[in-house]
Full PDB file with SEQRES, HELIX, SHEET, SSBOND, CRYST1, ORIGX, SCALE, CONECT and MASTER records, all heavy atoms in Angstrom:
SEQRES   1 A   31  SER LEU ARG ASP SER TYR PRO PRO GLN LEU ILE GLU ALA          
SEQRES   2 A   31  TYR LEU GLN GLY GLU PHE VAL ASN LEU THR SER GLY THR          
SEQRES   3 A   31  VAL TYR PRO GLN PHE                                          
HELIX    1 AA1 LEU A    2  SER A    5  1                                   4    
HELIX    2 AA2 PRO A    8  TYR A   14  1                                   7    
CRYST1    1.000    1.000    1.000  90.00  90.00  90.00 P 1           1          
ORIGX1      1.000000  0.000000  0.000000        0.00000                         
ORIGX2      0.000000  1.000000  0.000000        0.00000                         
ORIGX3      0.000000  0.000000  1.000000        0.00000                         
SCALE1      1.000000  0.000000  0.000000        0.00000                         
SCALE2      0.000000  1.000000  0.000000        0.00000                         
SCALE3      0.000000  0.000000  1.000000        0.00000                         
ATOM      1  N   SER A   1      99.085  79.596 105.481  1.00  0.00           N  
ATOM      2  CA  SER A   1      98.297  80.850 105.512  1.00  0.00           C  
ATOM      3  C   SER A   1      98.671  81.707 104.238  1.00  0.00           C  
ATOM      4  O   SER A   1      97.773  82.330 103.689  1.00  0.00           O  
ATOM      5  CB  SER A   1      98.592  81.688 106.754  1.00  0.00           C  
ATOM      6  OG  SER A   1      99.890  82.219 106.782  1.00  0.00           O  
ATOM      7  N   LEU A   2      99.924  81.677 103.797  1.00  0.00           N  
ATOM      8  CA  LEU A   2     100.298  82.381 102.526  1.00  0.00           C  
ATOM      9  C   LEU A   2      99.614  81.710 101.395  1.00  0.00           C  
ATOM     10  O   LEU A   2      99.151  82.390 100.469  1.00  0.00           O  
ATOM     11  CB  LEU A   2     101.812  82.360 102.371  1.00  0.00           C  
ATOM     12  CG  LEU A   2     102.578  83.172 103.359  1.00  0.00           C  
ATOM     13  CD1 LEU A   2     104.111  83.141 103.045  1.00  0.00           C  
ATOM     14  CD2 LEU A   2     102.167  84.662 103.351  1.00  0.00           C  
ATOM     15  N   ARG A   3      99.605  80.366 101.360  1.00  0.00           N  
ATOM     16  CA  ARG A   3      98.973  79.638 100.209  1.00  0.00           C  
ATOM     17  C   ARG A   3      97.498  79.981 100.198  1.00  0.00           C  
ATOM     18  O   ARG A   3      96.872  80.010  99.086  1.00  0.00           O  
ATOM     19  CB  ARG A   3      99.241  78.177 100.333  1.00  0.00           C  
ATOM     20  CG  ARG A   3     100.721  77.782 100.096  1.00  0.00           C  
ATOM     21  CD  ARG A   3     100.907  76.223 100.000  1.00  0.00           C  
ATOM     22  NE  ARG A   3     102.218  75.863  99.760  1.00  0.00           N  
ATOM     23  CZ  ARG A   3     102.778  75.903  98.604  1.00  0.00           C  
ATOM     24  NH1 ARG A   3     102.153  76.249  97.517  1.00  0.00           N  
ATOM     25  NH2 ARG A   3     104.068  75.522  98.490  1.00  0.00           N  
ATOM     26  N   ASP A   4      96.858  80.117 101.320  1.00  0.00           N  
ATOM     27  CA  ASP A   4      95.492  80.443 101.376  1.00  0.00           C  
ATOM     28  C   ASP A   4      95.130  81.848 100.928  1.00  0.00           C  
ATOM     29  O   ASP A   4      94.027  82.111 100.526  1.00  0.00           O  
ATOM     30  CB  ASP A   4      94.896  80.242 102.816  1.00  0.00           C  
ATOM     31  CG  ASP A   4      94.870  78.838 103.252  1.00  0.00           C  
ATOM     32  OD1 ASP A   4      94.958  77.875 102.339  1.00  0.00           O  
ATOM     33  OD2 ASP A   4      94.839  78.552 104.463  1.00  0.00           O  
ATOM     34  N   SER A   5      96.107  82.730 101.010  1.00  0.00           N  
ATOM     35  CA  SER A   5      95.900  84.078 100.741  1.00  0.00           C  
ATOM     36  C   SER A   5      96.335  84.613  99.383  1.00  0.00           C  
ATOM     37  O   SER A   5      95.740  85.505  98.817  1.00  0.00           O  
ATOM     38  CB  SER A   5      96.627  84.961 101.834  1.00  0.00           C  
ATOM     39  OG  SER A   5      96.140  84.684 103.138  1.00  0.00           O  
ATOM     40  N   TYR A   6      97.403  84.089  98.850  1.00  0.00           N  
ATOM     41  CA  TYR A   6      98.034  84.565  97.630  1.00  0.00           C  
ATOM     42  C   TYR A   6      97.618  83.752  96.398  1.00  0.00           C  
ATOM     43  O   TYR A   6      97.418  82.539  96.458  1.00  0.00           O  
ATOM     44  CB  TYR A   6      99.563  84.530  97.749  1.00  0.00           C  
ATOM     45  CG  TYR A   6     100.065  85.762  98.578  1.00  0.00           C  
ATOM     46  CD1 TYR A   6     100.019  85.672  99.969  1.00  0.00           C  
ATOM     47  CD2 TYR A   6     100.469  86.894  97.985  1.00  0.00           C  
ATOM     48  CE1 TYR A   6     100.510  86.805 100.726  1.00  0.00           C  
ATOM     49  CE2 TYR A   6     100.993  87.885  98.731  1.00  0.00           C  
ATOM     50  CZ  TYR A   6     100.963  87.908 100.040  1.00  0.00           C  
ATOM     51  OH  TYR A   6     101.417  88.972 100.798  1.00  0.00           O  
ATOM     52  N   PRO A   7      97.545  84.455  95.252  1.00  0.00           N  
ATOM     53  CA  PRO A   7      97.295  83.811  94.019  1.00  0.00           C  
ATOM     54  C   PRO A   7      98.496  82.871  93.607  1.00  0.00           C  
ATOM     55  O   PRO A   7      99.601  83.162  93.995  1.00  0.00           O  
ATOM     56  CB  PRO A   7      97.041  84.904  92.994  1.00  0.00           C  
ATOM     57  CG  PRO A   7      97.760  86.084  93.536  1.00  0.00           C  
ATOM     58  CD  PRO A   7      97.691  85.916  95.040  1.00  0.00           C  
ATOM     59  N   PRO A   8      98.259  81.895  92.749  1.00  0.00           N  
ATOM     60  CA  PRO A   8      99.322  80.937  92.419  1.00  0.00           C  
ATOM     61  C   PRO A   8     100.600  81.622  91.828  1.00  0.00           C  
ATOM     62  O   PRO A   8     101.738  81.173  92.080  1.00  0.00           O  
ATOM     63  CB  PRO A   8      98.709  79.985  91.387  1.00  0.00           C  
ATOM     64  CG  PRO A   8      97.252  80.069  91.659  1.00  0.00           C  
ATOM     65  CD  PRO A   8      96.966  81.458  92.153  1.00  0.00           C  
ATOM     66  N   GLN A   9     100.388  82.653  90.996  1.00  0.00           N  
ATOM     67  CA  GLN A   9     101.602  83.268  90.234  1.00  0.00           C  
ATOM     68  C   GLN A   9     102.525  83.898  91.189  1.00  0.00           C  
ATOM     69  O   GLN A   9     103.691  84.197  90.882  1.00  0.00           O  
ATOM     70  CB  GLN A   9     101.144  84.142  89.072  1.00  0.00           C  
ATOM     71  CG  GLN A   9     100.732  85.615  89.606  1.00  0.00           C  
ATOM     72  CD  GLN A   9      99.334  85.673  89.926  1.00  0.00           C  
ATOM     73  OE1 GLN A   9      98.587  84.720  90.188  1.00  0.00           O  
ATOM     74  NE2 GLN A   9      98.831  86.839  89.832  1.00  0.00           N  
ATOM     75  N   LEU A  10     102.089  84.204  92.440  1.00  0.00           N  
ATOM     76  CA  LEU A  10     103.033  84.898  93.425  1.00  0.00           C  
ATOM     77  C   LEU A  10     103.665  83.923  94.354  1.00  0.00           C  
ATOM     78  O   LEU A  10     104.618  84.339  95.024  1.00  0.00           O  
ATOM     79  CB  LEU A  10     102.200  85.918  94.279  1.00  0.00           C  
ATOM     80  CG  LEU A  10     101.647  87.129  93.483  1.00  0.00           C  
ATOM     81  CD1 LEU A  10     100.962  88.053  94.485  1.00  0.00           C  
ATOM     82  CD2 LEU A  10     102.682  87.853  92.713  1.00  0.00           C  
ATOM     83  N   ILE A  11     103.222  82.693  94.407  1.00  0.00           N  
ATOM     84  CA  ILE A  11     103.785  81.713  95.353  1.00  0.00           C  
ATOM     85  C   ILE A  11     105.310  81.468  95.067  1.00  0.00           C  
ATOM     86  O   ILE A  11     106.088  81.412  95.989  1.00  0.00           O  
ATOM     87  CB  ILE A  11     102.940  80.426  95.381  1.00  0.00           C  
ATOM     88  CG1 ILE A  11     101.555  80.685  95.921  1.00  0.00           C  
ATOM     89  CG2 ILE A  11     103.742  79.359  96.118  1.00  0.00           C  
ATOM     90  CD1 ILE A  11     101.616  81.195  97.394  1.00  0.00           C  
ATOM     91  N   GLU A  12     105.638  81.264  93.792  1.00  0.00           N  
ATOM     92  CA  GLU A  12     107.027  81.061  93.504  1.00  0.00           C  
ATOM     93  C   GLU A  12     107.906  82.218  93.820  1.00  0.00           C  
ATOM     94  O   GLU A  12     109.002  82.006  94.403  1.00  0.00           O  
ATOM     95  CB  GLU A  12     107.220  80.800  91.987  1.00  0.00           C  
ATOM     96  CG  GLU A  12     106.735  79.405  91.476  1.00  0.00           C  
ATOM     97  CD  GLU A  12     107.095  79.191  89.990  1.00  0.00           C  
ATOM     98  OE1 GLU A  12     108.216  79.002  89.685  1.00  0.00           O  
ATOM     99  OE2 GLU A  12     106.141  79.333  89.165  1.00  0.00           O  
ATOM    100  N   ALA A  13     107.409  83.404  93.742  1.00  0.00           N  
ATOM    101  CA  ALA A  13     108.163  84.581  94.157  1.00  0.00           C  
ATOM    102  C   ALA A  13     108.141  84.776  95.576  1.00  0.00           C  
ATOM    103  O   ALA A  13     109.263  84.993  96.166  1.00  0.00           O  
ATOM    104  CB  ALA A  13     107.564  85.835  93.426  1.00  0.00           C  
ATOM    105  N   TYR A  14     107.056  84.738  96.231  1.00  0.00           N  
ATOM    106  CA  TYR A  14     106.956  85.071  97.659  1.00  0.00           C  
ATOM    107  C   TYR A  14     107.148  83.971  98.605  1.00  0.00           C  
ATOM    108  O   TYR A  14     107.333  84.207  99.799  1.00  0.00           O  
ATOM    109  CB  TYR A  14     105.555  85.697  97.916  1.00  0.00           C  
ATOM    110  CG  TYR A  14     105.382  87.083  97.239  1.00  0.00           C  
ATOM    111  CD1 TYR A  14     104.110  87.714  97.209  1.00  0.00           C  
ATOM    112  CD2 TYR A  14     106.427  87.718  96.602  1.00  0.00           C  
ATOM    113  CE1 TYR A  14     103.956  88.957  96.588  1.00  0.00           C  
ATOM    114  CE2 TYR A  14     106.276  88.956  96.019  1.00  0.00           C  
ATOM    115  CZ  TYR A  14     105.038  89.562  95.990  1.00  0.00           C  
ATOM    116  OH  TYR A  14     104.870  90.740  95.360  1.00  0.00           O  
ATOM    117  N   LEU A  15     107.226  82.700  98.151  1.00  0.00           N  
ATOM    118  CA  LEU A  15     107.525  81.549  98.977  1.00  0.00           C  
ATOM    119  C   LEU A  15     108.861  80.994  98.652  1.00  0.00           C  
ATOM    120  O   LEU A  15     109.656  80.656  99.419  1.00  0.00           O  
ATOM    121  CB  LEU A  15     106.459  80.449  98.898  1.00  0.00           C  
ATOM    122  CG  LEU A  15     105.238  80.575  99.734  1.00  0.00           C  
ATOM    123  CD1 LEU A  15     104.355  79.397  99.615  1.00  0.00           C  
ATOM    124  CD2 LEU A  15     105.638  80.687 101.211  1.00  0.00           C  
ATOM    125  N   GLN A  16     109.137  80.852  97.320  1.00  0.00           N  
ATOM    126  CA  GLN A  16     110.376  80.193  96.869  1.00  0.00           C  
ATOM    127  C   GLN A  16     111.494  81.194  96.640  1.00  0.00           C  
ATOM    128  O   GLN A  16     112.694  80.863  96.445  1.00  0.00           O  
ATOM    129  CB  GLN A  16     110.062  79.461  95.520  1.00  0.00           C  
ATOM    130  CG  GLN A  16     109.001  78.326  95.695  1.00  0.00           C  
ATOM    131  CD  GLN A  16     109.416  77.203  96.640  1.00  0.00           C  
ATOM    132  OE1 GLN A  16     110.633  77.014  96.946  1.00  0.00           O  
ATOM    133  NE2 GLN A  16     108.435  76.480  97.067  1.00  0.00           N  
ATOM    134  N   GLY A  17     111.126  82.499  96.542  1.00  0.00           N  
ATOM    135  CA  GLY A  17     112.211  83.466  96.249  1.00  0.00           C  
ATOM    136  C   GLY A  17     112.719  83.404  94.801  1.00  0.00           C  
ATOM    137  O   GLY A  17     113.828  83.774  94.494  1.00  0.00           O  
ATOM    138  N   GLU A  18     111.850  82.937  93.864  1.00  0.00           N  
ATOM    139  CA  GLU A  18     112.169  82.810  92.460  1.00  0.00           C  
ATOM    140  C   GLU A  18     111.749  84.076  91.697  1.00  0.00           C  
ATOM    141  O   GLU A  18     110.725  84.706  91.988  1.00  0.00           O  
ATOM    142  CB  GLU A  18     111.538  81.592  91.834  1.00  0.00           C  
ATOM    143  CG  GLU A  18     112.002  80.255  92.510  1.00  0.00           C  
ATOM    144  CD  GLU A  18     113.463  79.891  92.206  1.00  0.00           C  
ATOM    145  OE1 GLU A  18     114.008  80.461  91.187  1.00  0.00           O  
ATOM    146  OE2 GLU A  18     114.029  79.130  92.903  1.00  0.00           O  
ATOM    147  N   PHE A  19     112.419  84.343  90.587  1.00  0.00           N  
ATOM    148  CA  PHE A  19     112.048  85.366  89.701  1.00  0.00           C  
ATOM    149  C   PHE A  19     110.982  84.820  88.729  1.00  0.00           C  
ATOM    150  O   PHE A  19     111.276  83.846  87.945  1.00  0.00           O  
ATOM    151  CB  PHE A  19     113.228  85.926  88.869  1.00  0.00           C  
ATOM    152  CG  PHE A  19     114.220  86.583  89.727  1.00  0.00           C  
ATOM    153  CD1 PHE A  19     115.371  85.847  90.107  1.00  0.00           C  
ATOM    154  CD2 PHE A  19     114.102  87.910  90.129  1.00  0.00           C  
ATOM    155  CE1 PHE A  19     116.338  86.536  90.911  1.00  0.00           C  
ATOM    156  CE2 PHE A  19     115.035  88.519  90.909  1.00  0.00           C  
ATOM    157  CZ  PHE A  19     116.193  87.869  91.364  1.00  0.00           C  
ATOM    158  N   VAL A  20     109.828  85.432  88.708  1.00  0.00           N  
ATOM    159  CA  VAL A  20     108.760  85.014  87.839  1.00  0.00           C  
ATOM    160  C   VAL A  20     108.144  86.298  87.246  1.00  0.00           C  
ATOM    161  O   VAL A  20     108.226  87.340  87.772  1.00  0.00           O  
ATOM    162  CB  VAL A  20     107.599  84.236  88.525  1.00  0.00           C  
ATOM    163  CG1 VAL A  20     108.123  82.876  89.049  1.00  0.00           C  
ATOM    164  CG2 VAL A  20     107.008  85.011  89.712  1.00  0.00           C  
ATOM    165  N   ASN A  21     107.531  86.169  86.020  1.00  0.00           N  
ATOM    166  CA  ASN A  21     107.042  87.301  85.323  1.00  0.00           C  
ATOM    167  C   ASN A  21     105.618  87.680  85.941  1.00  0.00           C  
ATOM    168  O   ASN A  21     104.676  86.922  85.882  1.00  0.00           O  
ATOM    169  CB  ASN A  21     106.807  87.016  83.857  1.00  0.00           C  
ATOM    170  CG  ASN A  21     106.720  88.306  82.987  1.00  0.00           C  
ATOM    171  OD1 ASN A  21     106.334  89.359  83.501  1.00  0.00           O  
ATOM    172  ND2 ASN A  21     107.214  88.269  81.793  1.00  0.00           N  
ATOM    173  N   LEU A  22     105.586  88.821  86.608  1.00  0.00           N  
ATOM    174  CA  LEU A  22     104.400  89.309  87.252  1.00  0.00           C  
ATOM    175  C   LEU A  22     103.710  90.420  86.445  1.00  0.00           C  
ATOM    176  O   LEU A  22     102.661  90.829  86.868  1.00  0.00           O  
ATOM    177  CB  LEU A  22     104.740  89.828  88.628  1.00  0.00           C  
ATOM    178  CG  LEU A  22     105.462  88.896  89.586  1.00  0.00           C  
ATOM    179  CD1 LEU A  22     105.722  89.592  90.922  1.00  0.00           C  
ATOM    180  CD2 LEU A  22     104.620  87.579  89.881  1.00  0.00           C  
ATOM    181  N   THR A  23     104.258  90.760  85.279  1.00  0.00           N  
ATOM    182  CA  THR A  23     103.720  91.871  84.516  1.00  0.00           C  
ATOM    183  C   THR A  23     103.683  91.539  83.054  1.00  0.00           C  
ATOM    184  O   THR A  23     104.108  92.355  82.181  1.00  0.00           O  
ATOM    185  CB  THR A  23     104.477  93.161  84.813  1.00  0.00           C  
ATOM    186  OG1 THR A  23     105.875  92.915  84.442  1.00  0.00           O  
ATOM    187  CG2 THR A  23     104.458  93.619  86.195  1.00  0.00           C  
ATOM    188  N   SER A  24     103.122  90.454  82.626  1.00  0.00           N  
ATOM    189  CA  SER A  24     102.937  90.075  81.257  1.00  0.00           C  
ATOM    190  C   SER A  24     101.624  89.358  81.120  1.00  0.00           C  
ATOM    191  O   SER A  24     101.089  88.834  82.073  1.00  0.00           O  
ATOM    192  CB  SER A  24     104.046  89.255  80.723  1.00  0.00           C  
ATOM    193  OG  SER A  24     104.044  87.942  81.300  1.00  0.00           O  
ATOM    194  N   GLY A  25     101.097  89.329  79.895  1.00  0.00           N  
ATOM    195  CA  GLY A  25      99.834  88.721  79.606  1.00  0.00           C  
ATOM    196  C   GLY A  25      98.754  89.511  80.218  1.00  0.00           C  
ATOM    197  O   GLY A  25      98.723  90.707  80.372  1.00  0.00           O  
ATOM    198  N   THR A  26      97.636  88.806  80.623  1.00  0.00           N  
ATOM    199  CA  THR A  26      96.512  89.483  81.193  1.00  0.00           C  
ATOM    200  C   THR A  26      96.792  89.893  82.621  1.00  0.00           C  
ATOM    201  O   THR A  26      97.532  89.217  83.330  1.00  0.00           O  
ATOM    202  CB  THR A  26      95.258  88.590  81.088  1.00  0.00           C  
ATOM    203  OG1 THR A  26      95.473  87.380  81.848  1.00  0.00           O  
ATOM    204  CG2 THR A  26      94.839  88.327  79.639  1.00  0.00           C  
ATOM    205  N   VAL A  27      96.098  90.973  83.041  1.00  0.00           N  
ATOM    206  CA  VAL A  27      96.354  91.444  84.382  1.00  0.00           C  
ATOM    207  C   VAL A  27      95.709  90.566  85.410  1.00  0.00           C  
ATOM    208  O   VAL A  27      96.234  90.492  86.563  1.00  0.00           O  
ATOM    209  CB  VAL A  27      95.788  92.935  84.572  1.00  0.00           C  
ATOM    210  CG1 VAL A  27      95.930  93.484  85.963  1.00  0.00           C  
ATOM    211  CG2 VAL A  27      96.432  93.839  83.522  1.00  0.00           C  
ATOM    212  N   TYR A  28      94.587  89.928  85.097  1.00  0.00           N  
ATOM    213  CA  TYR A  28      93.809  89.075  86.028  1.00  0.00           C  
ATOM    214  C   TYR A  28      93.728  87.681  85.520  1.00  0.00           C  
ATOM    215  O   TYR A  28      92.711  87.150  85.131  1.00  0.00           O  
ATOM    216  CB  TYR A  28      92.434  89.689  86.244  1.00  0.00           C  
ATOM    217  CG  TYR A  28      92.467  91.076  86.699  1.00  0.00           C  
ATOM    218  CD1 TYR A  28      92.366  92.193  85.849  1.00  0.00           C  
ATOM    219  CD2 TYR A  28      92.629  91.342  88.080  1.00  0.00           C  
ATOM    220  CE1 TYR A  28      92.488  93.458  86.287  1.00  0.00           C  
ATOM    221  CE2 TYR A  28      92.698  92.675  88.516  1.00  0.00           C  
ATOM    222  CZ  TYR A  28      92.613  93.728  87.604  1.00  0.00           C  
ATOM    223  OH  TYR A  28      92.668  95.016  88.069  1.00  0.00           O  
ATOM    224  N   PRO A  29      94.844  86.913  85.503  1.00  0.00           N  
ATOM    225  CA  PRO A  29      94.911  85.606  84.993  1.00  0.00           C  
ATOM    226  C   PRO A  29      94.145  84.580  85.790  1.00  0.00           C  
ATOM    227  O   PRO A  29      93.742  83.490  85.273  1.00  0.00           O  
ATOM    228  CB  PRO A  29      96.431  85.232  85.003  1.00  0.00           C  
ATOM    229  CG  PRO A  29      96.997  86.071  86.086  1.00  0.00           C  
ATOM    230  CD  PRO A  29      96.226  87.378  86.040  1.00  0.00           C  
ATOM    231  N   GLN A  30      93.781  84.820  87.077  1.00  0.00           N  
ATOM    232  CA  GLN A  30      93.076  83.920  87.899  1.00  0.00           C  
ATOM    233  C   GLN A  30      91.579  83.981  87.601  1.00  0.00           C  
ATOM    234  O   GLN A  30      90.880  83.076  88.140  1.00  0.00           O  
ATOM    235  CB  GLN A  30      93.337  84.251  89.365  1.00  0.00           C  
ATOM    236  CG  GLN A  30      94.854  84.193  89.779  1.00  0.00           C  
ATOM    237  CD  GLN A  30      95.504  82.910  89.201  1.00  0.00           C  
ATOM    238  OE1 GLN A  30      94.987  81.809  89.319  1.00  0.00           O  
ATOM    239  NE2 GLN A  30      96.635  83.125  88.546  1.00  0.00           N  
ATOM    240  N   PHE A  31      91.114  85.028  86.821  1.00  0.00           N  
ATOM    241  CA  PHE A  31      89.669  84.971  86.565  1.00  0.00           C  
ATOM    242  C   PHE A  31      89.350  84.082  85.445  1.00  0.00           C  
ATOM    243  O   PHE A  31      89.929  84.005  84.402  1.00  0.00           O  
ATOM    244  CB  PHE A  31      89.239  86.422  86.118  1.00  0.00           C  
ATOM    245  CG  PHE A  31      87.850  86.531  85.780  1.00  0.00           C  
ATOM    246  CD1 PHE A  31      86.755  86.455  86.709  1.00  0.00           C  
ATOM    247  CD2 PHE A  31      87.401  86.706  84.397  1.00  0.00           C  
ATOM    248  CE1 PHE A  31      85.418  86.531  86.325  1.00  0.00           C  
ATOM    249  CE2 PHE A  31      86.108  86.758  84.077  1.00  0.00           C  
ATOM    250  CZ  PHE A  31      85.129  86.624  85.015  1.00  0.00           C  
TER     251      PHE A  31                                                      
MASTER        0    0    0    2    0    0    0    6  250    1    0    3          
END                                                                             
């Protein structure tokens, strides 16, 4: 259900508990 709901860049953080850059590059990378 989390994979169905969240964008890919958040899965490492919110499923794996890893530190990933959430505030660099474009704001909407999934578009």
